[in-house]
PDB file of N, CA and C in Angstrom:
ATOM      1  N   MET A   1      35.837 -18.592  18.796  1.00  0.00           N
ATOM      2  CA  MET A   1      34.132 -18.708  19.067  1.00  0.00           C
ATOM      3  C   MET A   1      33.295 -17.758  18.563  1.00  0.00           C
ATOM      4  N   ARG A   2      33.802 -16.627  17.568  1.00  0.00           N
ATOM      5  CA  ARG A   2      33.085 -16.269  16.581  1.00  0.00           C
ATOM      6  C   ARG A   2      32.698 -16.863  15.260  1.00  0.00           C
ATOM      7  N   ARG A   3      34.156 -17.603  14.976  1.00  0.00           N
ATOM      8  CA  ARG A   3      33.833 -18.307  13.708  1.00  0.00           C
ATOM      9  C   ARG A   3      32.954 -19.630  13.859  1.00  0.00           C
ATOM     10  N   LEU A   4      32.759 -20.225  15.068  1.00  0.00           N
ATOM     11  CA  LEU A   4      31.879 -21.300  15.575  1.00  0.00           C
ATOM     12  C   LEU A   4      30.566 -20.986  15.377  1.00  0.00           C
ATOM     13  N   ASN A   5      30.545 -19.859  15.667  1.00  0.00           N
ATOM     14  CA  ASN A   5      28.496 -19.311  15.799  1.00  0.00           C
ATOM     15  C   ASN A   5      28.714 -18.980  14.181  1.00  0.00           C
ATOM     16  N   ARG A   6      29.964 -18.519  13.647  1.00  0.00           N
ATOM     17  CA  ARG A   6      28.781 -18.220  12.000  1.00  0.00           C
ATOM     18  C   ARG A   6      28.892 -19.348  11.289  1.00  0.00           C
ATOM     19  N   LYS A   7      29.593 -20.405  11.674  1.00  0.00           N
ATOM     20  CA  LYS A   7      29.530 -21.477  10.923  1.00  0.00           C
ATOM     21  C   LYS A   7      28.026 -22.194  11.093  1.00  0.00           C
ATOM     22  N   LYS A   8      27.762 -22.059  12.450  1.00  0.00           N
ATOM     23  CA  LYS A   8      26.295 -22.417  12.818  1.00  0.00           C
ATOM     24  C   LYS A   8      25.414 -21.857  12.263  1.00  0.00           C
ATOM     25  N   THR A   9      25.497 -20.554  12.181  1.00  0.00           N
ATOM     26  CA  THR A   9      24.576 -19.669  11.409  1.00  0.00           C
ATOM     27  C   THR A   9      24.530 -20.363  10.017  1.00  0.00           C
ATOM     28  N   LEU A  10      25.782 -20.260   9.489  1.00  0.00           N
ATOM     29  CA  LEU A  10      25.548 -20.533   7.966  1.00  0.00           C
ATOM     30  C   LEU A  10      25.157 -21.674   7.481  1.00  0.00           C
ATOM     31  N   SER A  11      25.050 -22.540   8.336  1.00  0.00           N
ATOM     32  CA  SER A  11      24.678 -23.906   8.106  1.00  0.00           C
ATOM     33  C   SER A  11      23.041 -24.302   8.742  1.00  0.00           C
ATOM     34  N   LEU A  12      22.737 -23.413   9.461  1.00  0.00           N
ATOM     35  CA  LEU A  12      21.401 -23.133   9.685  1.00  0.00           C
ATOM     36  C   LEU A  12      20.447 -22.729   8.824  1.00  0.00           C
ATOM     37  N   VAL A  13      20.956 -21.270   7.904  1.00  0.00           N
ATOM     38  CA  VAL A  13      20.509 -21.160   6.781  1.00  0.00           C
ATOM     39  C   VAL A  13      20.542 -21.764   5.494  1.00  0.00           C
ATOM     40  N   LYS A  14      21.573 -22.819   5.514  1.00  0.00           N
ATOM     41  CA  LYS A  14      21.611 -23.645   4.548  1.00  0.00           C
ATOM     42  C   LYS A  14      20.703 -24.502   4.433  1.00  0.00           C
ATOM     43  N   GLU A  15      20.148 -24.879   5.588  1.00  0.00           N
ATOM     44  CA  GLU A  15      19.369 -26.087   6.312  1.00  0.00           C
ATOM     45  C   GLU A  15      17.909 -25.583   5.737  1.00  0.00           C
ATOM     46  N   LEU A  16      17.987 -24.300   5.981  1.00  0.00           N
ATOM     47  CA  LEU A  16      16.350 -23.885   5.879  1.00  0.00           C
ATOM     48  C   LEU A  16      15.847 -24.226   4.553  1.00  0.00           C
ATOM     49  N   ASP A  17      14.956 -24.200   4.495  1.00  0.00           N
ATOM     50  CA  ASP A  17      14.292 -24.290   3.144  1.00  0.00           C
ATOM     51  C   ASP A  17      12.457 -23.870   3.284  1.00  0.00           C
ATOM     52  N   ALA A  18      12.389 -22.754   2.956  1.00  0.00           N
ATOM     53  CA  ALA A  18      11.265 -22.744   3.106  1.00  0.00           C
ATOM     54  C   ALA A  18      10.013 -23.100   2.219  1.00  0.00           C
ATOM     55  N   PHE A  19      10.438 -23.487   0.680  1.00  0.00           N
ATOM     56  CA  PHE A  19       9.816 -24.490  -0.177  1.00  0.00           C
ATOM     57  C   PHE A  19      10.241 -25.295  -0.351  1.00  0.00           C
ATOM     58  N   PRO A  20      10.082 -26.578   0.330  1.00  0.00           N
ATOM     59  CA  PRO A  20      10.302 -27.784   0.417  1.00  0.00           C
ATOM     60  C   PRO A  20      10.340 -28.380  -0.973  1.00  0.00           C
ATOM     61  N   LYS A  21      11.282 -29.168  -1.700  1.00  0.00           N
ATOM     62  CA  LYS A  21      11.240 -29.952  -3.012  1.00  0.00           C
ATOM     63  C   LYS A  21      10.429 -31.036  -2.905  1.00  0.00           C
ATOM     64  N   VAL A  22       9.637 -31.187  -4.097  1.00  0.00           N
ATOM     65  CA  VAL A  22       9.112 -32.380  -4.353  1.00  0.00           C
ATOM     66  C   VAL A  22      10.020 -33.501  -5.002  1.00  0.00           C
ATOM     67  N   PRO A  23       9.776 -34.965  -4.508  1.00  0.00           N
ATOM     68  CA  PRO A  23      10.558 -35.830  -4.529  1.00  0.00           C
ATOM     69  C   PRO A  23      10.441 -36.335  -5.956  1.00  0.00           C
ATOM     70  N   ASP A  24      11.564 -36.804  -6.540  1.00  0.00           N
ATOM     71  CA  ASP A  24      11.696 -36.831  -7.947  1.00  0.00           C
ATOM     72  C   ASP A  24      10.727 -38.196  -8.670  1.00  0.00           C
ATOM     73  N   SER A  25      10.147 -38.892  -7.499  1.00  0.00           N
ATOM     74  CA  SER A  25       8.974 -40.219  -7.840  1.00  0.00           C
ATOM     75  C   SER A  25       8.056 -39.652  -8.377  1.00  0.00           C
ATOM     76  N   TYR A  26       7.543 -38.126  -7.678  1.00  0.00           N
ATOM     77  CA  TYR A  26       6.594 -37.709  -7.861  1.00  0.00           C
ATOM     78  C   TYR A  26       6.404 -36.687  -9.369  1.00  0.00           C
ATOM     79  N   VAL A  27       7.636 -36.313  -9.644  1.00  0.00           N
ATOM     80  CA  VAL A  27       7.610 -35.308 -11.082  1.00  0.00           C
ATOM     81  C   VAL A  27       7.600 -36.291 -12.301  1.00  0.00           C
ATOM     82  N   GLU A  28       6.571 -36.158 -13.294  1.00  0.00           N
ATOM     83  CA  GLU A  28       6.528 -36.634 -14.468  1.00  0.00           C
ATOM     84  C   GLU A  28       6.701 -35.492 -15.688  1.00  0.00           C
ATOM     85  N   THR A  29       7.987 -35.764 -15.888  1.00  0.00           N
ATOM     86  CA  THR A  29       8.233 -34.643 -17.220  1.00  0.00           C
ATOM     87  C   THR A  29       7.619 -35.216 -18.412  1.00  0.00           C
ATOM     88  N   SER A  30       7.282 -34.093 -19.364  1.00  0.00           N
ATOM     89  CA  SER A  30       6.630 -34.623 -20.552  1.00  0.00           C
ATOM     90  C   SER A  30       6.966 -33.324 -21.605  1.00  0.00           C
ATOM     91  N   ALA A  31       7.028 -33.651 -22.983  1.00  0.00           N
ATOM     92  CA  ALA A  31       7.256 -32.877 -24.076  1.00  0.00           C
ATOM     93  C   ALA A  31       5.913 -31.627 -23.917  1.00  0.00           C
ATOM     94  N   SER A  32       4.861 -32.103 -23.661  1.00  0.00           N
ATOM     95  CA  SER A  32       3.680 -31.074 -23.573  1.00  0.00           C
ATOM     96  C   SER A  32       3.759 -29.926 -22.107  1.00  0.00           C
ATOM     97  N   GLY A  33       4.183 -30.668 -21.154  1.00  0.00           N
ATOM     98  CA  GLY A  33       4.531 -29.767 -20.070  1.00  0.00           C
ATOM     99  C   GLY A  33       5.749 -28.748 -20.647  1.00  0.00           C
ATOM    100  N   GLY A  34       6.710 -29.365 -21.095  1.00  0.00           N
ATOM    101  CA  GLY A  34       7.707 -28.222 -21.341  1.00  0.00           C
ATOM    102  C   GLY A  34       7.321 -27.407 -22.556  1.00  0.00           C
ATOM    103  N   THR A  35       6.657 -27.597 -23.441  1.00  0.00           N
ATOM    104  CA  THR A  35       6.253 -26.511 -24.337  1.00  0.00           C
ATOM    105  C   THR A  35       5.127 -25.847 -23.433  1.00  0.00           C
ATOM    106  N   VAL A  36       4.050 -26.069 -22.584  1.00  0.00           N
ATOM    107  CA  VAL A  36       3.323 -25.051 -22.124  1.00  0.00           C
ATOM    108  C   VAL A  36       4.394 -24.088 -21.215  1.00  0.00           C
ATOM    109  N   SER A  37       5.262 -24.733 -20.616  1.00  0.00           N
ATOM    110  CA  SER A  37       6.186 -23.703 -19.728  1.00  0.00           C
ATOM    111  C   SER A  37       6.944 -23.052 -20.879  1.00  0.00           C
ATOM    112  N   LEU A  38       7.731 -23.279 -22.039  1.00  0.00           N
ATOM    113  CA  LEU A  38       7.972 -22.597 -22.597  1.00  0.00           C
ATOM    114  C   LEU A  38       7.331 -21.021 -23.306  1.00  0.00           C
ATOM    115  N   ILE A  39       6.174 -21.555 -23.539  1.00  0.00           N
ATOM    116  CA  ILE A  39       5.223 -20.671 -24.078  1.00  0.00           C
ATOM    117  C   ILE A  39       4.638 -19.929 -23.082  1.00  0.00           C
ATOM    118  N   ALA A  40       4.461 -19.830 -21.812  1.00  0.00           N
ATOM    119  CA  ALA A  40       4.223 -18.988 -20.570  1.00  0.00           C
ATOM    120  C   ALA A  40       5.485 -18.141 -20.159  1.00  0.00           C
ATOM    121  N   PHE A  41       6.726 -18.940 -20.055  1.00  0.00           N
ATOM    122  CA  PHE A  41       7.790 -18.103 -19.896  1.00  0.00           C
ATOM    123  C   PHE A  41       7.907 -16.955 -21.297  1.00  0.00           C
ATOM    124  N   THR A  42       7.815 -17.204 -22.352  1.00  0.00           N
ATOM    125  CA  THR A  42       7.916 -16.020 -23.297  1.00  0.00           C
ATOM    126  C   THR A  42       6.884 -15.134 -23.166  1.00  0.00           C
ATOM    127  N   THR A  43       5.816 -15.825 -22.998  1.00  0.00           N
ATOM    128  CA  THR A  43       4.485 -14.781 -22.998  1.00  0.00           C
ATOM    129  C   THR A  43       4.784 -13.864 -21.889  1.00  0.00           C
ATOM    130  N   MET A  44       5.152 -14.216 -20.567  1.00  0.00           N
ATOM    131  CA  MET A  44       5.905 -13.516 -19.445  1.00  0.00           C
ATOM    132  C   MET A  44       6.840 -12.453 -19.908  1.00  0.00           C
ATOM    133  N   ALA A  45       7.889 -12.973 -20.207  1.00  0.00           N
ATOM    134  CA  ALA A  45       9.042 -11.954 -21.060  1.00  0.00           C
ATOM    135  C   ALA A  45       8.354 -11.436 -21.993  1.00  0.00           C
ATOM    136  N   LEU A  46       7.663 -11.184 -22.924  1.00  0.00           N
ATOM    137  CA  LEU A  46       7.251 -10.288 -23.684  1.00  0.00           C
ATOM    138  C   LEU A  46       6.316  -9.294 -23.146  1.00  0.00           C
ATOM    139  N   LEU A  47       5.200  -9.571 -22.052  1.00  0.00           N
ATOM    140  CA  LEU A  47       4.850  -8.695 -20.841  1.00  0.00           C
ATOM    141  C   LEU A  47       5.417  -7.587 -20.504  1.00  0.00           C
ATOM    142  N   THR A  48       6.532  -8.541 -20.166  1.00  0.00           N
ATOM    143  CA  THR A  48       7.301  -7.447 -19.314  1.00  0.00           C
ATOM    144  C   THR A  48       8.067  -6.428 -19.951  1.00  0.00           C
ATOM    145  N   ILE A  49       8.986  -6.852 -21.210  1.00  0.00           N
ATOM    146  CA  ILE A  49       9.176  -5.912 -22.090  1.00  0.00           C
ATOM    147  C   ILE A  49       8.471  -4.954 -22.576  1.00  0.00           C
ATOM    148  N   MET A  50       7.145  -5.501 -23.124  1.00  0.00           N
ATOM    149  CA  MET A  50       5.940  -4.387 -23.306  1.00  0.00           C
ATOM    150  C   MET A  50       5.898  -3.530 -22.199  1.00  0.00           C
ATOM    151  N   GLU A  51       5.330  -3.783 -20.863  1.00  0.00           N
ATOM    152  CA  GLU A  51       5.197  -2.811 -19.958  1.00  0.00           C
ATOM    153  C   GLU A  51       6.030  -1.825 -19.779  1.00  0.00           C
ATOM    154  N   PHE A  52       7.491  -2.664 -19.708  1.00  0.00           N
ATOM    155  CA  PHE A  52       8.499  -1.295 -19.507  1.00  0.00           C
ATOM    156  C   PHE A  52       8.929  -0.423 -20.464  1.00  0.00           C
ATOM    157  N   SER A  53       8.254  -0.829 -21.992  1.00  0.00           N
ATOM    158  CA  SER A  53       8.590  -0.090 -23.110  1.00  0.00           C
ATOM    159  C   SER A  53       7.909   1.174 -22.884  1.00  0.00           C
ATOM    160  N   VAL A  54       6.391   0.852 -22.601  1.00  0.00           N
ATOM    161  CA  VAL A  54       4.882   1.733 -22.468  1.00  0.00           C
ATOM    162  C   VAL A  54       5.318   2.624 -21.248  1.00  0.00           C
ATOM    163  N   TYR A  55       5.774   2.139 -19.981  1.00  0.00           N
ATOM    164  CA  TYR A  55       6.582   2.842 -19.152  1.00  0.00           C
ATOM    165  C   TYR A  55       7.852   3.840 -19.560  1.00  0.00           C
ATOM    166  N   GLN A  56       8.598   3.788 -20.339  1.00  0.00           N
ATOM    167  CA  GLN A  56       9.719   4.099 -20.821  1.00  0.00           C
ATOM    168  C   GLN A  56       9.240   5.477 -21.909  1.00  0.00           C
ATOM    169  N   ASP A  57       8.154   5.107 -22.380  1.00  0.00           N
ATOM    170  CA  ASP A  57       7.331   5.942 -23.322  1.00  0.00           C
ATOM    171  C   ASP A  57       6.591   7.003 -22.866  1.00  0.00           C
ATOM    172  N   THR A  58       6.032   7.243 -21.686  1.00  0.00           N
ATOM    173  CA  THR A  58       4.893   7.778 -21.428  1.00  0.00           C
ATOM    174  C   THR A  58       5.538   9.154 -20.475  1.00  0.00           C
ATOM    175  N   TRP A  59       4.996  10.519 -20.874  1.00  0.00           N
ATOM    176  CA  TRP A  59       5.455  11.595 -20.796  1.00  0.00           C
ATOM    177  C   TRP A  59       4.058  12.532 -19.922  1.00  0.00           C
ATOM    178  N   MET A  60       4.397  13.331 -19.544  1.00  0.00           N
ATOM    179  CA  MET A  60       3.284  14.095 -18.558  1.00  0.00           C
ATOM    180  C   MET A  60       3.221  15.465 -19.503  1.00  0.00           C
ATOM    181  N   LYS A  61       2.296  15.895 -19.522  1.00  0.00           N
ATOM    182  CA  LYS A  61       2.040  17.436 -20.191  1.00  0.00           C
ATOM    183  C   LYS A  61       1.431  18.023 -19.077  1.00  0.00           C
ATOM    184  N   TYR A  62       1.902  19.288 -18.517  1.00  0.00           N
ATOM    185  CA  TYR A  62       0.931  20.006 -17.739  1.00  0.00           C
ATOM    186  C   TYR A  62       0.041  21.237 -18.746  1.00  0.00           C
ATOM    187  N   GLU A  63      -0.906  21.894 -17.989  1.00  0.00           N
ATOM    188  CA  GLU A  63      -1.253  22.720 -19.058  1.00  0.00           C
ATOM    189  C   GLU A  63      -2.010  23.804 -17.570  1.00  0.00           C
ATOM    190  N   TYR A  64      -1.820  25.200 -17.205  1.00  0.00           N
ATOM    191  CA  TYR A  64      -1.872  25.576 -16.611  1.00  0.00           C
ATOM    192  C   TYR A  64      -3.007  26.787 -17.201  1.00  0.00           C
ATOM    193  N   GLU A  65      -3.937  27.204 -16.428  1.00  0.00           N
ATOM    194  CA  GLU A  65      -4.600  28.497 -16.920  1.00  0.00           C
ATOM    195  C   GLU A  65      -5.515  29.179 -15.769  1.00  0.00           C
ATOM    196  N   VAL A  66      -5.585  30.241 -15.727  1.00  0.00           N
ATOM    197  CA  VAL A  66      -6.003  31.115 -15.008  1.00  0.00           C
ATOM    198  C   VAL A  66      -7.766  30.867 -14.563  1.00  0.00           C
ATOM    199  N   ASP A  67      -8.563  30.845 -13.567  1.00  0.00           N
ATOM    200  CA  ASP A  67      -9.733  30.582 -13.155  1.00  0.00           C
ATOM    201  C   ASP A  67     -10.517  32.062 -13.418  1.00  0.00           C
ATOM    202  N   LYS A  68     -11.249  32.051 -14.284  1.00  0.00           N
ATOM    203  CA  LYS A  68     -12.181  33.107 -14.455  1.00  0.00           C
ATOM    204  C   LYS A  68     -13.483  33.298 -14.065  1.00  0.00           C
ATOM    205  N   ASP A  69     -13.575  32.275 -13.085  1.00  0.00           N
ATOM    206  CA  ASP A  69     -15.077  32.674 -12.290  1.00  0.00           C
ATOM    207  C   ASP A  69     -14.952  33.112 -11.146  1.00  0.00           C
ATOM    208  N   PHE A  70     -15.023  34.600 -10.993  1.00  0.00           N
ATOM    209  CA  PHE A  70     -15.000  34.948  -9.776  1.00  0.00           C
ATOM    210  C   PHE A  70     -16.097  35.084  -8.756  1.00  0.00           C
ATOM    211  N   SER A  71     -17.410  34.433  -9.142  1.00  0.00           N
ATOM    212  CA  SER A  71     -18.606  34.490  -8.569  1.00  0.00           C
ATOM    213  C   SER A  71     -18.583  33.560  -7.583  1.00  0.00           C
ATOM    214  N   SER A  72     -17.946  32.372  -7.932  1.00  0.00           N
ATOM    215  CA  SER A  72     -17.940  31.129  -7.285  1.00  0.00           C
ATOM    216  C   SER A  72     -17.289  31.383  -5.405  1.00  0.00           C
ATOM    217  N   LYS A  73     -17.796  30.731  -4.590  1.00  0.00           N
ATOM    218  CA  LYS A  73     -16.926  30.872  -3.509  1.00  0.00           C
ATOM    219  C   LYS A  73     -16.792  29.567  -2.827  1.00  0.00           C
ATOM    220  N   LEU A  74     -15.536  29.704  -2.218  1.00  0.00           N
ATOM    221  CA  LEU A  74     -14.801  28.422  -1.742  1.00  0.00           C
ATOM    222  C   LEU A  74     -15.424  28.070  -0.279  1.00  0.00           C
ATOM    223  N   ARG A  75     -15.610  27.026  -0.123  1.00  0.00           N
ATOM    224  CA  ARG A  75     -16.427  26.900   1.057  1.00  0.00           C
ATOM    225  C   ARG A  75     -15.141  25.983   2.033  1.00  0.00           C
ATOM    226  N   ILE A  76     -15.091  26.492   3.154  1.00  0.00           N
ATOM    227  CA  ILE A  76     -14.022  25.859   4.034  1.00  0.00           C
ATOM    228  C   ILE A  76     -14.578  25.274   5.588  1.00  0.00           C
ATOM    229  N   ASN A  77     -14.856  24.279   5.686  1.00  0.00           N
ATOM    230  CA  ASN A  77     -15.192  23.300   6.737  1.00  0.00           C
ATOM    231  C   ASN A  77     -14.035  23.113   7.743  1.00  0.00           C
ATOM    232  N   ILE A  78     -13.878  23.298   8.903  1.00  0.00           N
ATOM    233  CA  ILE A  78     -13.087  23.478   9.870  1.00  0.00           C
ATOM    234  C   ILE A  78     -13.638  22.198  11.149  1.00  0.00           C
ATOM    235  N   ASP A  79     -13.324  21.143  11.534  1.00  0.00           N
ATOM    236  CA  ASP A  79     -13.527  20.219  12.324  1.00  0.00           C
ATOM    237  C   ASP A  79     -12.519  20.530  13.559  1.00  0.00           C
ATOM    238  N   ILE A  80     -12.830  20.683  14.726  1.00  0.00           N
ATOM    239  CA  ILE A  80     -11.943  20.791  16.013  1.00  0.00           C
ATOM    240  C   ILE A  80     -12.731  19.981  16.988  1.00  0.00           C
ATOM    241  N   THR A  81     -11.412  18.876  17.346  1.00  0.00           N
ATOM    242  CA  THR A  81     -11.568  18.159  18.271  1.00  0.00           C
ATOM    243  C   THR A  81     -11.035  18.577  19.817  1.00  0.00           C
ATOM    244  N   VAL A  82     -11.603  18.209  20.700  1.00  0.00           N
ATOM    245  CA  VAL A  82     -10.722  18.920  22.053  1.00  0.00           C
ATOM    246  C   VAL A  82     -10.594  17.757  23.011  1.00  0.00           C
ATOM    247  N   ALA A  83      -9.524  17.261  23.332  1.00  0.00           N
ATOM    248  CA  ALA A  83      -9.513  16.069  24.136  1.00  0.00           C
ATOM    249  C   ALA A  83      -9.796  16.358  25.781  1.00  0.00           C
ATOM    250  N   MET A  84     -11.170  16.012  25.979  1.00  0.00           N
ATOM    251  CA  MET A  84     -11.837  16.412  27.399  1.00  0.00           C
ATOM    252  C   MET A  84     -12.636  15.458  27.834  1.00  0.00           C
ATOM    253  N   LYS A  85     -13.026  14.801  29.109  1.00  0.00           N
ATOM    254  CA  LYS A  85     -13.712  13.621  29.073  1.00  0.00           C
ATOM    255  C   LYS A  85     -15.241  14.080  28.602  1.00  0.00           C
ATOM    256  N   CYS A  86     -16.188  13.055  28.831  1.00  0.00           N
ATOM    257  CA  CYS A  86     -17.421  12.839  27.763  1.00  0.00           C
ATOM    258  C   CYS A  86     -18.355  14.011  28.658  1.00  0.00           C
ATOM    259  N   GLN A  87     -18.274  13.616  29.889  1.00  0.00           N
ATOM    260  CA  GLN A  87     -19.346  14.420  30.816  1.00  0.00           C
ATOM    261  C   GLN A  87     -18.708  15.975  30.862  1.00  0.00           C
ATOM    262  N   CYS A  88     -17.773  16.410  30.761  1.00  0.00           N
ATOM    263  CA  CYS A  88     -17.479  17.851  30.332  1.00  0.00           C
ATOM    264  C   CYS A  88     -17.074  18.663  29.295  1.00  0.00           C
ATOM    265  N   LYS A  89     -17.755  18.236  27.939  1.00  0.00           N
ATOM    266  CA  LYS A  89     -18.155  18.468  26.752  1.00  0.00           C
ATOM    267  C   LYS A  89     -18.771  19.594  26.730  1.00  0.00           C
ATOM    268  N   TYR A  90     -18.739  20.934  26.134  1.00  0.00           N
ATOM    269  CA  TYR A  90     -19.385  21.725  25.873  1.00  0.00           C
ATOM    270  C   TYR A  90     -19.664  22.169  24.647  1.00  0.00           C
ATOM    271  N   THR A  91     -20.786  22.050  23.733  1.00  0.00           N
ATOM    272  CA  THR A  91     -20.829  22.102  22.211  1.00  0.00           C
ATOM    273  C   THR A  91     -21.325  23.327  22.066  1.00  0.00           C
ATOM    274  N   ILE A  92     -20.369  24.221  20.991  1.00  0.00           N
ATOM    275  CA  ILE A  92     -21.124  25.555  20.565  1.00  0.00           C
ATOM    276  C   ILE A  92     -21.120  25.098  19.064  1.00  0.00           C
ATOM    277  N   SER A  93     -22.265  25.586  18.694  1.00  0.00           N
ATOM    278  CA  SER A  93     -22.635  25.561  17.019  1.00  0.00           C
ATOM    279  C   SER A  93     -22.773  26.992  16.670  1.00  0.00           C
ATOM    280  N   LEU A  94     -21.962  27.316  15.825  1.00  0.00           N
ATOM    281  CA  LEU A  94     -21.406  28.857  15.396  1.00  0.00           C
ATOM    282  C   LEU A  94     -22.806  28.933  14.193  1.00  0.00           C
ATOM    283  N   MET A  95     -23.351  28.228  13.840  1.00  0.00           N
ATOM    284  CA  MET A  95     -24.198  28.114  12.322  1.00  0.00           C
ATOM    285  C   MET A  95     -25.652  28.087  12.773  1.00  0.00           C
ATOM    286  N   ASN A  96     -26.237  27.296  14.123  1.00  0.00           N
ATOM    287  CA  ASN A  96     -27.512  27.584  14.526  1.00  0.00           C
ATOM    288  C   ASN A  96     -27.590  28.172  16.018  1.00  0.00           C
ATOM    289  N   PHE A  97     -26.301  28.977  16.274  1.00  0.00           N
ATOM    290  CA  PHE A  97     -26.157  30.063  17.492  1.00  0.00           C
ATOM    291  C   PHE A  97     -27.338  29.252  18.706  1.00  0.00           C
ATOM    292  N   HIS A  98     -26.637  28.033  19.059  1.00  0.00           N
ATOM    293  CA  HIS A  98     -27.047  27.307  20.203  1.00  0.00           C
ATOM    294  C   HIS A  98     -25.942  26.725  20.844  1.00  0.00           C
ATOM    295  N   VAL A  99     -26.046  26.619  22.453  1.00  0.00           N
ATOM    296  CA  VAL A  99     -24.797  26.179  23.278  1.00  0.00           C
ATOM    297  C   VAL A  99     -25.549  25.095  24.057  1.00  0.00           C
ATOM    298  N   VAL A 100     -24.596  23.924  24.026  1.00  0.00           N
ATOM    299  CA  VAL A 100     -25.081  22.659  24.792  1.00  0.00           C
ATOM    300  C   VAL A 100     -23.890  22.268  25.910  1.00  0.00           C
ATOM    301  N   TYR A 101     -24.263  22.540  27.161  1.00  0.00           N
ATOM    302  CA  TYR A 101     -23.269  22.484  28.250  1.00  0.00           C
ATOM    303  C   TYR A 101     -22.909  21.158  28.851  1.00  0.00           C
ATOM    304  N   GLY A 102     -22.180  20.605  29.398  1.00  0.00           N
ATOM    305  CA  GLY A 102     -21.789  19.383  29.997  1.00  0.00           C
ATOM    306  C   GLY A 102     -22.275  19.615  31.726  1.00  0.00           C
ATOM    307  N   SER A 103     -21.805  18.454  32.422  1.00  0.00           N
ATOM    308  CA  SER A 103     -22.506  18.731  33.786  1.00  0.00           C
ATOM    309  C   SER A 103     -21.540  19.744  34.558  1.00  0.00           C
ATOM    310  N   ASN A 104     -21.822  20.264  35.803  1.00  0.00           N
ATOM    311  CA  ASN A 104     -21.389  21.127  36.443  1.00  0.00           C
ATOM    312  C   ASN A 104     -19.924  20.907  36.956  1.00  0.00           C
ATOM    313  N   ASP A 105     -19.691  19.431  37.317  1.00  0.00           N
ATOM    314  CA  ASP A 105     -18.163  18.993  38.259  1.00  0.00           C
ATOM    315  C   ASP A 105     -16.996  19.008  37.269  1.00  0.00           C
ATOM    316  N   CYS A 106     -17.137  19.524  36.199  1.00  0.00           N
ATOM    317  CA  CYS A 106     -16.079  19.626  35.333  1.00  0.00           C
ATOM    318  C   CYS A 106     -15.111  20.834  35.284  1.00  0.00           C
ATOM    319  N   LEU A 107     -15.805  21.644  35.983  1.00  0.00           N
ATOM    320  CA  LEU A 107     -15.030  23.208  36.691  1.00  0.00           C
ATOM    321  C   LEU A 107     -14.012  23.193  37.505  1.00  0.00           C
TER     322      LEU A 107
END
């Protein structure tokens, strides 16, 4: 039973053709078309080899130094989002020192 299943699956895969072939009656071969194909293939091969050689020859150089600017300040922003209903939101702004409350039915 499993063998029959495998054979059906294998034949189904063999019949599957994502890119159907063009009928031979539509295909015209010419010397100029072959020349263009060879030039294109050679160009692609050379570009691939050249890119691979550049990839192989690339190296990273790391440089570390101490930051000597002690006068500057590091600004840190913190955003906090609380998951609650929109009518229940309370907003507190620490920079401007004001408080905005939501409705009273949230408590």
